[in-house]
Amino acid sequence: MAGNVRGVLFRDYVRMIRGAKHIDWKAALEPEDYAYVTSRISVDDWYPMASFERIGNVIFRRLADNDLVAVRMWGRASVGDLCATQPDLVAPRDPIETLMRMRVLRATFFDFPALAIPELLDDQAEITISYRMGPLAEEAASHQTMGVFERLLELATARDVVAELTAKSWAGDPTTVLELRWSLRRSSIS
């Protein structure tokens, strides 16, 4: 696996590990991965995807107890911090612009194309996901991504948001496809 991830995402994993002091992370992680836990993570530096994947797998097993719903909810919850650092991420009353802004921002997190939006209409979008990881990590990351996009749409005043993974690379599909559908909030002015 080739590729790198920006420190802003890597730091989130390290924070989770440092906050869970009840787990012997030194025993749970590979030595080269544990070294990141004990060092300062720069949000602008690049870190290896291989370590990101291994650390994510351990977090998924140990902290999330292999619960994909928990991972999806963490994705939703992470949007608050993301919006705090990127105050222009959400375009008020404009789900389409918000999705485009997130696509552009997400592209800065990886040194390869991890996400694409091949279809974007007034009330639906198709997002292809390819983090280039093994099946376990790809599945967890896709559920986390689904939570992120659901919450962003809600913040952009979309309602009745429905998110569904309609193709799954970890299940043998060529790529992972996230389908999003929503309704637009009606203006209170008639």
N, C-alpha and C. Protein backbone atom coordinates (compact mmCIF):
# COMPACT_ATOMS: atom_id res chain seq x y z
N MET A 1 0.85 -1.18 0.00
CA MET A 1 0.00 0.00 0.00
C MET A 1 0.89 1.23 0.00
N ALA A 2 0.63 2.11 -0.91
CA ALA A 2 1.37 3.36 -0.98
C ALA A 2 0.46 4.48 -0.54
N GLY A 3 1.05 5.60 -0.32
CA GLY A 3 0.25 6.77 0.00
C GLY A 3 0.51 7.28 1.39
N ASN A 4 0.07 8.51 1.58
CA ASN A 4 0.25 9.18 2.86
C ASN A 4 -1.02 9.92 3.23
N VAL A 5 -1.14 10.18 4.52
CA VAL A 5 -2.28 10.89 5.07
C VAL A 5 -1.74 12.12 5.81
N ARG A 6 -2.49 13.17 5.74
CA ARG A 6 -2.09 14.43 6.40
C ARG A 6 -2.21 14.27 7.93
N GLY A 7 -1.35 14.94 8.62
CA GLY A 7 -1.30 14.86 10.07
C GLY A 7 -2.59 15.24 10.77
N VAL A 8 -3.42 16.06 10.15
CA VAL A 8 -4.68 16.46 10.78
C VAL A 8 -5.55 15.24 11.06
N LEU A 9 -5.55 14.24 10.19
CA LEU A 9 -6.29 13.01 10.43
C LEU A 9 -5.53 12.07 11.34
N PHE A 10 -4.25 12.00 11.15
CA PHE A 10 -3.41 11.12 11.96
C PHE A 10 -3.48 11.53 13.44
N ARG A 11 -3.52 12.83 13.67
CA ARG A 11 -3.59 13.36 15.03
C ARG A 11 -4.86 12.90 15.74
N ASP A 12 -5.97 12.81 15.01
CA ASP A 12 -7.22 12.34 15.63
C ASP A 12 -7.06 10.94 16.21
N TYR A 13 -6.41 10.06 15.47
CA TYR A 13 -6.17 8.70 15.95
C TYR A 13 -5.29 8.73 17.20
N VAL A 14 -4.23 9.52 17.15
CA VAL A 14 -3.31 9.59 18.29
C VAL A 14 -4.03 10.13 19.53
N ARG A 15 -4.89 11.11 19.34
CA ARG A 15 -5.66 11.65 20.47
C ARG A 15 -6.56 10.58 21.09
N MET A 16 -7.21 9.78 20.24
CA MET A 16 -8.07 8.71 20.76
C MET A 16 -7.27 7.73 21.59
N ILE A 17 -6.12 7.37 21.09
CA ILE A 17 -5.27 6.41 21.80
C ILE A 17 -4.80 7.00 23.13
N ARG A 18 -4.32 8.21 23.10
CA ARG A 18 -3.84 8.84 24.33
C ARG A 18 -4.95 9.01 25.36
N GLY A 19 -6.18 9.16 24.90
CA GLY A 19 -7.30 9.32 25.83
C GLY A 19 -7.78 8.02 26.44
N ALA A 20 -7.43 6.90 25.85
CA ALA A 20 -7.87 5.58 26.36
C ALA A 20 -6.73 4.94 27.13
N LYS A 21 -6.49 5.42 28.30
CA LYS A 21 -5.35 4.98 29.10
C LYS A 21 -5.53 3.56 29.67
N HIS A 22 -6.74 3.03 29.62
CA HIS A 22 -7.01 1.70 30.14
C HIS A 22 -6.50 0.58 29.22
N ILE A 23 -6.05 0.94 28.03
CA ILE A 23 -5.56 -0.05 27.06
C ILE A 23 -4.05 0.04 26.98
N ASP A 24 -3.40 -1.11 26.95
CA ASP A 24 -1.95 -1.17 26.79
C ASP A 24 -1.63 -1.03 25.30
N TRP A 25 -1.52 0.22 24.87
CA TRP A 25 -1.31 0.50 23.45
C TRP A 25 0.06 0.04 22.97
N LYS A 26 1.03 0.04 23.86
CA LYS A 26 2.37 -0.41 23.45
C LYS A 26 2.33 -1.88 23.02
N ALA A 27 1.51 -2.67 23.71
CA ALA A 27 1.37 -4.08 23.35
C ALA A 27 0.44 -4.26 22.14
N ALA A 28 -0.51 -3.37 21.97
CA ALA A 28 -1.51 -3.52 20.91
C ALA A 28 -1.01 -3.06 19.54
N LEU A 29 -0.07 -2.13 19.53
CA LEU A 29 0.40 -1.54 18.27
C LEU A 29 1.78 -2.05 17.87
N GLU A 30 2.05 -1.99 16.59
CA GLU A 30 3.40 -2.28 16.10
C GLU A 30 4.35 -1.22 16.66
N PRO A 31 5.61 -1.57 16.92
CA PRO A 31 6.54 -0.59 17.49
C PRO A 31 6.66 0.70 16.67
N GLU A 32 6.69 0.59 15.33
CA GLU A 32 6.80 1.81 14.51
C GLU A 32 5.54 2.66 14.59
N ASP A 33 4.39 2.03 14.84
CA ASP A 33 3.14 2.78 14.99
C ASP A 33 3.04 3.40 16.38
N TYR A 34 3.50 2.67 17.38
CA TYR A 34 3.46 3.19 18.75
C TYR A 34 4.36 4.43 18.88
N ALA A 35 5.42 4.48 18.09
CA ALA A 35 6.33 5.64 18.13
C ALA A 35 5.57 6.93 17.80
N TYR A 36 4.57 6.84 16.93
CA TYR A 36 3.77 8.04 16.61
C TYR A 36 2.94 8.49 17.81
N VAL A 37 2.48 7.53 18.60
CA VAL A 37 1.64 7.85 19.77
C VAL A 37 2.43 8.66 20.79
N THR A 38 3.72 8.44 20.83
CA THR A 38 4.56 9.12 21.83
C THR A 38 5.26 10.35 21.27
N SER A 39 4.99 10.67 20.03
CA SER A 39 5.65 11.84 19.45
C SER A 39 4.63 12.92 19.09
N ARG A 40 5.13 14.08 18.79
CA ARG A 40 4.27 15.20 18.41
C ARG A 40 3.85 15.02 16.96
N ILE A 41 2.56 15.16 16.71
CA ILE A 41 2.02 15.02 15.36
C ILE A 41 1.76 16.42 14.82
N SER A 42 2.34 16.72 13.68
CA SER A 42 2.12 18.01 13.02
C SER A 42 0.95 17.87 12.05
N VAL A 43 -0.03 18.74 12.15
CA VAL A 43 -1.22 18.64 11.30
C VAL A 43 -0.90 18.80 9.82
N ASP A 44 0.19 19.46 9.49
CA ASP A 44 0.53 19.72 8.09
C ASP A 44 1.49 18.70 7.49
N ASP A 45 2.08 17.84 8.31
CA ASP A 45 3.02 16.85 7.79
C ASP A 45 2.27 15.64 7.23
N TRP A 46 3.01 14.84 6.45
CA TRP A 46 2.47 13.61 5.88
C TRP A 46 2.91 12.43 6.72
N TYR A 47 2.01 11.45 6.88
CA TYR A 47 2.28 10.23 7.64
C TYR A 47 1.88 9.03 6.78
N PRO A 48 2.55 7.88 6.97
CA PRO A 48 2.29 6.73 6.09
C PRO A 48 0.90 6.12 6.29
N MET A 49 0.22 5.86 5.18
CA MET A 49 -1.09 5.22 5.22
C MET A 49 -1.02 3.85 5.89
N ALA A 50 0.09 3.15 5.74
CA ALA A 50 0.21 1.82 6.35
C ALA A 50 0.06 1.92 7.87
N SER A 51 0.71 2.90 8.48
CA SER A 51 0.57 3.09 9.93
C SER A 51 -0.83 3.57 10.27
N PHE A 52 -1.37 4.48 9.47
CA PHE A 52 -2.72 4.98 9.69
C PHE A 52 -3.72 3.83 9.68
N GLU A 53 -3.57 2.92 8.74
CA GLU A 53 -4.47 1.77 8.65
C GLU A 53 -4.32 0.85 9.85
N ARG A 54 -3.08 0.50 10.20
CA ARG A 54 -2.89 -0.41 11.33
C ARG A 54 -3.42 0.19 12.63
N ILE A 55 -3.13 1.47 12.87
CA ILE A 55 -3.62 2.14 14.07
C ILE A 55 -5.15 2.19 14.05
N GLY A 56 -5.73 2.51 12.91
CA GLY A 56 -7.19 2.54 12.78
C GLY A 56 -7.83 1.19 13.06
N ASN A 57 -7.21 0.12 12.59
CA ASN A 57 -7.74 -1.22 12.84
C ASN A 57 -7.74 -1.54 14.33
N VAL A 58 -6.68 -1.18 15.02
CA VAL A 58 -6.62 -1.43 16.46
C VAL A 58 -7.66 -0.59 17.20
N ILE A 59 -7.80 0.66 16.81
CA ILE A 59 -8.83 1.52 17.42
C ILE A 59 -10.21 0.93 17.17
N PHE A 60 -10.48 0.46 15.95
CA PHE A 60 -11.77 -0.12 15.62
C PHE A 60 -12.07 -1.33 16.50
N ARG A 61 -11.08 -2.18 16.67
CA ARG A 61 -11.28 -3.38 17.49
C ARG A 61 -11.39 -3.05 18.98
N ARG A 62 -10.45 -2.23 19.47
CA ARG A 62 -10.34 -2.00 20.92
C ARG A 62 -11.29 -0.93 21.45
N LEU A 63 -11.43 0.19 20.75
CA LEU A 63 -12.27 1.28 21.25
C LEU A 63 -13.71 1.20 20.73
N ALA A 64 -13.88 0.85 19.47
CA ALA A 64 -15.22 0.79 18.89
C ALA A 64 -15.84 -0.59 19.02
N ASP A 65 -15.07 -1.56 19.50
CA ASP A 65 -15.55 -2.93 19.68
C ASP A 65 -16.17 -3.47 18.38
N ASN A 66 -15.52 -3.17 17.25
CA ASN A 66 -15.95 -3.61 15.93
C ASN A 66 -17.36 -3.14 15.56
N ASP A 67 -17.79 -2.04 16.12
CA ASP A 67 -19.15 -1.52 15.92
C ASP A 67 -19.15 -0.43 14.85
N LEU A 68 -19.66 -0.77 13.67
CA LEU A 68 -19.67 0.18 12.56
C LEU A 68 -20.61 1.36 12.81
N VAL A 69 -21.66 1.15 13.58
CA VAL A 69 -22.55 2.26 13.92
C VAL A 69 -21.80 3.29 14.77
N ALA A 70 -20.99 2.80 15.70
CA ALA A 70 -20.18 3.72 16.52
C ALA A 70 -19.21 4.50 15.66
N VAL A 71 -18.62 3.86 14.66
CA VAL A 71 -17.69 4.53 13.76
C VAL A 71 -18.42 5.60 12.95
N ARG A 72 -19.60 5.28 12.49
CA ARG A 72 -20.41 6.24 11.74
C ARG A 72 -20.77 7.44 12.63
N MET A 73 -21.13 7.18 13.86
CA MET A 73 -21.47 8.26 14.79
C MET A 73 -20.24 9.11 15.10
N TRP A 74 -19.07 8.48 15.18
CA TRP A 74 -17.84 9.24 15.39
C TRP A 74 -17.59 10.16 14.19
N GLY A 75 -17.88 9.66 13.00
CA GLY A 75 -17.76 10.50 11.80
C GLY A 75 -18.66 11.72 11.90
N ARG A 76 -19.90 11.51 12.33
CA ARG A 76 -20.83 12.63 12.50
C ARG A 76 -20.30 13.61 13.54
N ALA A 77 -19.83 13.08 14.66
CA ALA A 77 -19.35 13.94 15.76
C ALA A 77 -18.10 14.72 15.36
N SER A 78 -17.28 14.14 14.50
CA SER A 78 -16.02 14.80 14.11
C SER A 78 -16.24 16.05 13.27
N VAL A 79 -17.43 16.22 12.73
CA VAL A 79 -17.72 17.37 11.87
C VAL A 79 -17.65 18.68 12.67
N GLY A 80 -17.99 18.64 13.95
CA GLY A 80 -17.90 19.85 14.78
C GLY A 80 -16.49 20.40 14.82
N ASP A 81 -15.51 19.53 15.07
CA ASP A 81 -14.11 19.97 15.09
C ASP A 81 -13.67 20.43 13.71
N LEU A 82 -14.12 19.72 12.69
CA LEU A 82 -13.77 20.08 11.32
C LEU A 82 -14.28 21.47 10.97
N CYS A 83 -15.51 21.75 11.35
CA CYS A 83 -16.09 23.07 11.08
C CYS A 83 -15.42 24.17 11.90
N ALA A 84 -14.94 23.81 13.08
CA ALA A 84 -14.24 24.80 13.90
C ALA A 84 -12.93 25.24 13.24
N THR A 85 -12.25 24.30 12.59
CA THR A 85 -10.99 24.64 11.92
C THR A 85 -11.20 25.12 10.48
N GLN A 86 -12.36 24.81 9.92
CA GLN A 86 -12.69 25.21 8.54
C GLN A 86 -14.06 25.90 8.57
N PRO A 87 -14.14 27.12 9.08
CA PRO A 87 -15.45 27.76 9.27
C PRO A 87 -16.25 27.98 7.99
N ASP A 88 -15.64 27.94 6.83
CA ASP A 88 -16.37 28.13 5.57
C ASP A 88 -16.76 26.81 4.92
N LEU A 89 -16.59 25.70 5.62
CA LEU A 89 -16.87 24.40 5.04
C LEU A 89 -18.35 24.24 4.68
N VAL A 90 -19.22 24.65 5.59
CA VAL A 90 -20.66 24.51 5.35
C VAL A 90 -21.18 25.77 4.67
N ALA A 91 -21.82 25.58 3.53
CA ALA A 91 -22.48 26.68 2.83
C ALA A 91 -23.94 26.68 3.29
N PRO A 92 -24.36 27.69 4.03
CA PRO A 92 -25.73 27.70 4.55
C PRO A 92 -26.77 27.54 3.44
N ARG A 93 -27.69 26.63 3.68
CA ARG A 93 -28.80 26.36 2.76
C ARG A 93 -28.33 25.91 1.37
N ASP A 94 -27.13 25.33 1.30
CA ASP A 94 -26.61 24.90 0.00
C ASP A 94 -25.87 23.56 0.14
N PRO A 95 -26.62 22.44 0.17
CA PRO A 95 -25.98 21.13 0.31
C PRO A 95 -24.97 20.82 -0.79
N ILE A 96 -25.27 21.22 -2.01
CA ILE A 96 -24.37 20.91 -3.13
C ILE A 96 -23.02 21.60 -2.95
N GLU A 97 -23.05 22.88 -2.64
CA GLU A 97 -21.79 23.61 -2.42
C GLU A 97 -21.04 23.04 -1.23
N THR A 98 -21.76 22.65 -0.19
CA THR A 98 -21.11 22.05 0.99
C THR A 98 -20.40 20.76 0.61
N LEU A 99 -21.04 19.91 -0.18
CA LEU A 99 -20.40 18.67 -0.62
C LEU A 99 -19.17 18.95 -1.46
N MET A 100 -19.25 19.95 -2.33
CA MET A 100 -18.09 20.28 -3.16
C MET A 100 -16.94 20.81 -2.30
N ARG A 101 -17.25 21.62 -1.33
CA ARG A 101 -16.20 22.14 -0.42
C ARG A 101 -15.55 21.00 0.34
N MET A 102 -16.35 20.02 0.78
CA MET A 102 -15.79 18.88 1.51
C MET A 102 -14.92 18.03 0.59
N ARG A 103 -15.34 17.86 -0.64
CA ARG A 103 -14.53 17.08 -1.59
C ARG A 103 -13.16 17.73 -1.77
N VAL A 104 -13.15 19.05 -1.93
CA VAL A 104 -11.89 19.78 -2.10
C VAL A 104 -11.04 19.67 -0.84
N LEU A 105 -11.65 19.85 0.32
CA LEU A 105 -10.91 19.75 1.58
C LEU A 105 -10.36 18.34 1.77
N ARG A 106 -11.20 17.33 1.54
CA ARG A 106 -10.78 15.94 1.73
C ARG A 106 -9.59 15.60 0.83
N ALA A 107 -9.52 16.21 -0.34
CA ALA A 107 -8.41 15.95 -1.26
C ALA A 107 -7.08 16.41 -0.68
N THR A 108 -7.11 17.35 0.26
CA THR A 108 -5.86 17.82 0.88
C THR A 108 -5.39 16.88 1.98
N PHE A 109 -6.22 15.92 2.38
CA PHE A 109 -5.89 15.01 3.48
C PHE A 109 -5.09 13.79 3.02
N PHE A 110 -5.10 13.51 1.72
CA PHE A 110 -4.42 12.33 1.18
C PHE A 110 -3.60 12.74 -0.03
N ASP A 111 -2.50 12.03 -0.28
CA ASP A 111 -1.70 12.34 -1.47
C ASP A 111 -2.07 11.45 -2.65
N PHE A 112 -3.31 11.01 -2.66
CA PHE A 112 -3.89 10.22 -3.74
C PHE A 112 -5.39 10.52 -3.74
N PRO A 113 -6.10 10.23 -4.83
CA PRO A 113 -7.53 10.54 -4.88
C PRO A 113 -8.35 9.53 -4.08
N ALA A 114 -8.73 9.89 -2.87
CA ALA A 114 -9.48 8.99 -1.98
C ALA A 114 -10.99 9.07 -2.21
N LEU A 115 -11.48 10.23 -2.63
CA LEU A 115 -12.91 10.45 -2.84
C LEU A 115 -13.15 11.14 -4.18
N ALA A 116 -14.28 10.80 -4.78
CA ALA A 116 -14.74 11.52 -5.97
C ALA A 116 -16.25 11.63 -5.88
N ILE A 117 -16.79 12.63 -6.53
CA ILE A 117 -18.24 12.82 -6.58
C ILE A 117 -18.65 12.81 -8.06
N PRO A 118 -18.85 11.60 -8.62
CA PRO A 118 -19.19 11.53 -10.05
C PRO A 118 -20.62 11.98 -10.37
N GLU A 119 -21.49 12.00 -9.36
CA GLU A 119 -22.86 12.44 -9.61
C GLU A 119 -23.29 13.37 -8.49
N LEU A 120 -23.78 14.54 -8.88
CA LEU A 120 -24.24 15.53 -7.90
C LEU A 120 -25.43 16.27 -8.49
N LEU A 121 -26.60 16.02 -7.90
CA LEU A 121 -27.84 16.64 -8.34
C LEU A 121 -28.41 17.47 -7.19
N ASP A 122 -29.54 18.12 -7.42
CA ASP A 122 -30.13 18.98 -6.40
C ASP A 122 -30.43 18.27 -5.09
N ASP A 123 -30.77 16.99 -5.18
CA ASP A 123 -31.19 16.28 -3.97
C ASP A 123 -30.53 14.91 -3.80
N GLN A 124 -29.43 14.70 -4.50
CA GLN A 124 -28.72 13.44 -4.34
C GLN A 124 -27.29 13.54 -4.85
N ALA A 125 -26.47 12.64 -4.33
CA ALA A 125 -25.07 12.60 -4.75
C ALA A 125 -24.58 11.16 -4.68
N GLU A 126 -23.60 10.89 -5.51
CA GLU A 126 -22.90 9.61 -5.47
C GLU A 126 -21.43 9.92 -5.20
N ILE A 127 -20.90 9.29 -4.18
CA ILE A 127 -19.50 9.51 -3.81
C ILE A 127 -18.78 8.17 -3.91
N THR A 128 -17.67 8.15 -4.62
CA THR A 128 -16.85 6.94 -4.67
C THR A 128 -15.73 7.10 -3.66
N ILE A 129 -15.45 6.01 -2.96
CA ILE A 129 -14.47 6.02 -1.87
C ILE A 129 -13.43 4.96 -2.15
N SER A 130 -12.16 5.34 -2.04
CA SER A 130 -11.08 4.38 -2.17
C SER A 130 -9.89 4.87 -1.35
N TYR A 131 -9.82 4.40 -0.11
CA TYR A 131 -8.71 4.79 0.76
C TYR A 131 -7.49 3.88 0.57
N ARG A 132 -7.63 2.87 -0.31
CA ARG A 132 -6.52 1.97 -0.63
C ARG A 132 -6.03 1.18 0.57
N MET A 133 -6.96 0.78 1.42
CA MET A 133 -6.60 0.02 2.61
C MET A 133 -7.17 -1.38 2.50
N GLY A 134 -6.84 -2.22 3.46
CA GLY A 134 -7.38 -3.56 3.52
C GLY A 134 -8.87 -3.53 3.83
N PRO A 135 -9.53 -4.67 3.71
CA PRO A 135 -10.98 -4.72 3.87
C PRO A 135 -11.51 -4.17 5.20
N LEU A 136 -10.93 -4.54 6.31
CA LEU A 136 -11.41 -4.07 7.61
C LEU A 136 -11.33 -2.55 7.73
N ALA A 137 -10.18 -2.01 7.40
CA ALA A 137 -9.98 -0.56 7.51
C ALA A 137 -10.83 0.19 6.49
N GLU A 138 -10.95 -0.34 5.29
CA GLU A 138 -11.74 0.32 4.25
C GLU A 138 -13.21 0.38 4.65
N GLU A 139 -13.71 -0.69 5.23
CA GLU A 139 -15.11 -0.71 5.67
C GLU A 139 -15.34 0.30 6.78
N ALA A 140 -14.47 0.30 7.78
CA ALA A 140 -14.63 1.24 8.90
C ALA A 140 -14.51 2.68 8.40
N ALA A 141 -13.52 2.96 7.57
CA ALA A 141 -13.33 4.32 7.07
C ALA A 141 -14.50 4.77 6.21
N SER A 142 -15.10 3.87 5.47
CA SER A 142 -16.25 4.22 4.64
C SER A 142 -17.46 4.57 5.50
N HIS A 143 -17.66 3.85 6.60
CA HIS A 143 -18.75 4.17 7.52
C HIS A 143 -18.50 5.51 8.22
N GLN A 144 -17.26 5.77 8.56
CA GLN A 144 -16.92 7.06 9.17
C GLN A 144 -17.19 8.19 8.18
N THR A 145 -16.81 7.98 6.93
CA THR A 145 -17.04 8.96 5.87
C THR A 145 -18.54 9.19 5.67
N MET A 146 -19.32 8.13 5.73
CA MET A 146 -20.77 8.26 5.59
C MET A 146 -21.31 9.18 6.69
N GLY A 147 -20.86 8.99 7.92
CA GLY A 147 -21.30 9.85 9.01
C GLY A 147 -20.92 11.30 8.80
N VAL A 148 -19.72 11.54 8.30
CA VAL A 148 -19.27 12.91 8.02
C VAL A 148 -20.20 13.59 7.01
N PHE A 149 -20.46 12.92 5.90
CA PHE A 149 -21.28 13.52 4.86
C PHE A 149 -22.73 13.70 5.30
N GLU A 150 -23.26 12.77 6.06
CA GLU A 150 -24.62 12.93 6.59
C GLU A 150 -24.72 14.21 7.42
N ARG A 151 -23.78 14.38 8.33
CA ARG A 151 -23.83 15.54 9.22
C ARG A 151 -23.61 16.85 8.46
N LEU A 152 -22.71 16.85 7.49
CA LEU A 152 -22.49 18.05 6.70
C LEU A 152 -23.77 18.47 5.96
N LEU A 153 -24.47 17.50 5.40
CA LEU A 153 -25.72 17.82 4.71
C LEU A 153 -26.74 18.42 5.67
N GLU A 154 -26.83 17.86 6.86
CA GLU A 154 -27.76 18.40 7.86
C GLU A 154 -27.40 19.84 8.21
N LEU A 155 -26.12 20.10 8.38
CA LEU A 155 -25.68 21.47 8.71
C LEU A 155 -25.95 22.44 7.56
N ALA A 156 -25.99 21.91 6.35
CA ALA A 156 -26.29 22.74 5.18
C ALA A 156 -27.81 22.83 4.97
N THR A 157 -28.55 22.45 5.97
CA THR A 157 -30.02 22.52 6.03
C THR A 157 -30.73 21.56 5.09
N ALA A 158 -30.07 20.47 4.72
CA ALA A 158 -30.78 19.40 4.03
C ALA A 158 -31.61 18.67 5.09
N ARG A 159 -32.72 18.10 4.68
CA ARG A 159 -33.52 17.33 5.64
C ARG A 159 -33.77 15.96 5.06
N ASP A 160 -34.22 15.04 5.90
CA ASP A 160 -34.51 13.67 5.49
C ASP A 160 -33.30 13.04 4.78
N VAL A 161 -32.13 13.24 5.34
CA VAL A 161 -30.90 12.72 4.73
C VAL A 161 -30.87 11.20 4.85
N VAL A 162 -30.63 10.55 3.72
CA VAL A 162 -30.48 9.10 3.67
C VAL A 162 -29.11 8.81 3.06
N ALA A 163 -28.33 8.00 3.75
CA ALA A 163 -27.01 7.61 3.25
C ALA A 163 -26.94 6.09 3.20
N GLU A 164 -26.40 5.59 2.10
CA GLU A 164 -26.35 4.14 1.92
C GLU A 164 -25.10 3.77 1.12
N LEU A 165 -24.40 2.76 1.59
CA LEU A 165 -23.27 2.22 0.84
C LEU A 165 -23.84 1.18 -0.13
N THR A 166 -23.89 1.52 -1.41
CA THR A 166 -24.52 0.65 -2.41
C THR A 166 -23.54 -0.28 -3.11
N ALA A 167 -22.26 -0.01 -2.97
CA ALA A 167 -21.21 -0.90 -3.46
C ALA A 167 -20.10 -0.87 -2.42
N LYS A 168 -19.49 -2.03 -2.19
CA LYS A 168 -18.51 -2.14 -1.10
C LYS A 168 -17.28 -2.89 -1.60
N SER A 169 -16.16 -2.20 -1.65
CA SER A 169 -14.93 -2.83 -2.14
C SER A 169 -14.53 -4.01 -1.27
N TRP A 170 -14.76 -3.94 0.04
CA TRP A 170 -14.39 -5.03 0.94
C TRP A 170 -15.26 -6.27 0.73
N ALA A 171 -16.37 -6.12 0.00
CA ALA A 171 -17.25 -7.25 -0.29
C ALA A 171 -17.08 -7.72 -1.74
N GLY A 172 -16.05 -7.19 -2.42
CA GLY A 172 -15.76 -7.65 -3.77
C GLY A 172 -16.15 -6.71 -4.89
N ASP A 173 -16.84 -5.62 -4.58
CA ASP A 173 -17.17 -4.64 -5.62
C ASP A 173 -15.89 -3.92 -6.05
N PRO A 174 -15.85 -3.41 -7.29
CA PRO A 174 -14.65 -2.73 -7.77
C PRO A 174 -14.29 -1.48 -6.96
N THR A 175 -15.29 -0.81 -6.44
CA THR A 175 -15.05 0.38 -5.63
C THR A 175 -16.19 0.50 -4.62
N THR A 176 -16.03 1.39 -3.68
CA THR A 176 -17.09 1.66 -2.70
C THR A 176 -17.87 2.87 -3.17
N VAL A 177 -19.19 2.76 -3.12
CA VAL A 177 -20.06 3.85 -3.55
C VAL A 177 -20.99 4.22 -2.39
N LEU A 178 -20.96 5.49 -2.03
CA LEU A 178 -21.85 6.05 -1.03
C LEU A 178 -22.90 6.87 -1.76
N GLU A 179 -24.16 6.49 -1.61
CA GLU A 179 -25.25 7.26 -2.20
C GLU A 179 -25.90 8.09 -1.11
N LEU A 180 -26.11 9.36 -1.40
CA LEU A 180 -26.75 10.29 -0.49
C LEU A 180 -27.99 10.86 -1.15
N ARG A 181 -29.07 10.93 -0.39
CA ARG A 181 -30.30 11.55 -0.87
C ARG A 181 -30.82 12.46 0.24
N TRP A 182 -31.46 13.54 -0.14
CA TRP A 182 -31.99 14.47 0.85
C TRP A 182 -33.12 15.29 0.24
N SER A 183 -33.81 15.98 1.11
CA SER A 183 -34.83 16.96 0.69
C SER A 183 -34.29 18.32 1.07
N LEU A 184 -34.68 19.30 0.32
CA LEU A 184 -34.28 20.67 0.64
C LEU A 184 -35.29 21.26 1.59
N ARG A 185 -34.81 22.00 2.55
CA ARG A 185 -35.72 22.69 3.48
C ARG A 185 -36.43 23.79 2.71
N ARG A 186 -37.69 23.89 2.92
CA ARG A 186 -38.47 24.94 2.25
C ARG A 186 -38.26 26.26 2.97
N SER A 187 -38.21 27.30 2.21
CA SER A 187 -38.08 28.64 2.77
C SER A 187 -39.36 29.00 3.51
N SER A 188 -39.21 29.74 4.59
CA SER A 188 -40.38 30.16 5.35
C SER A 188 -41.08 31.34 4.66
N ILE A 189 -40.47 31.87 3.61
CA ILE A 189 -41.06 32.98 2.86
C ILE A 189 -41.81 32.40 1.67
N SER A 190 -43.07 32.70 1.52
CA SER A 190 -43.85 32.16 0.41
C SER A 190 -44.06 33.20 -0.67
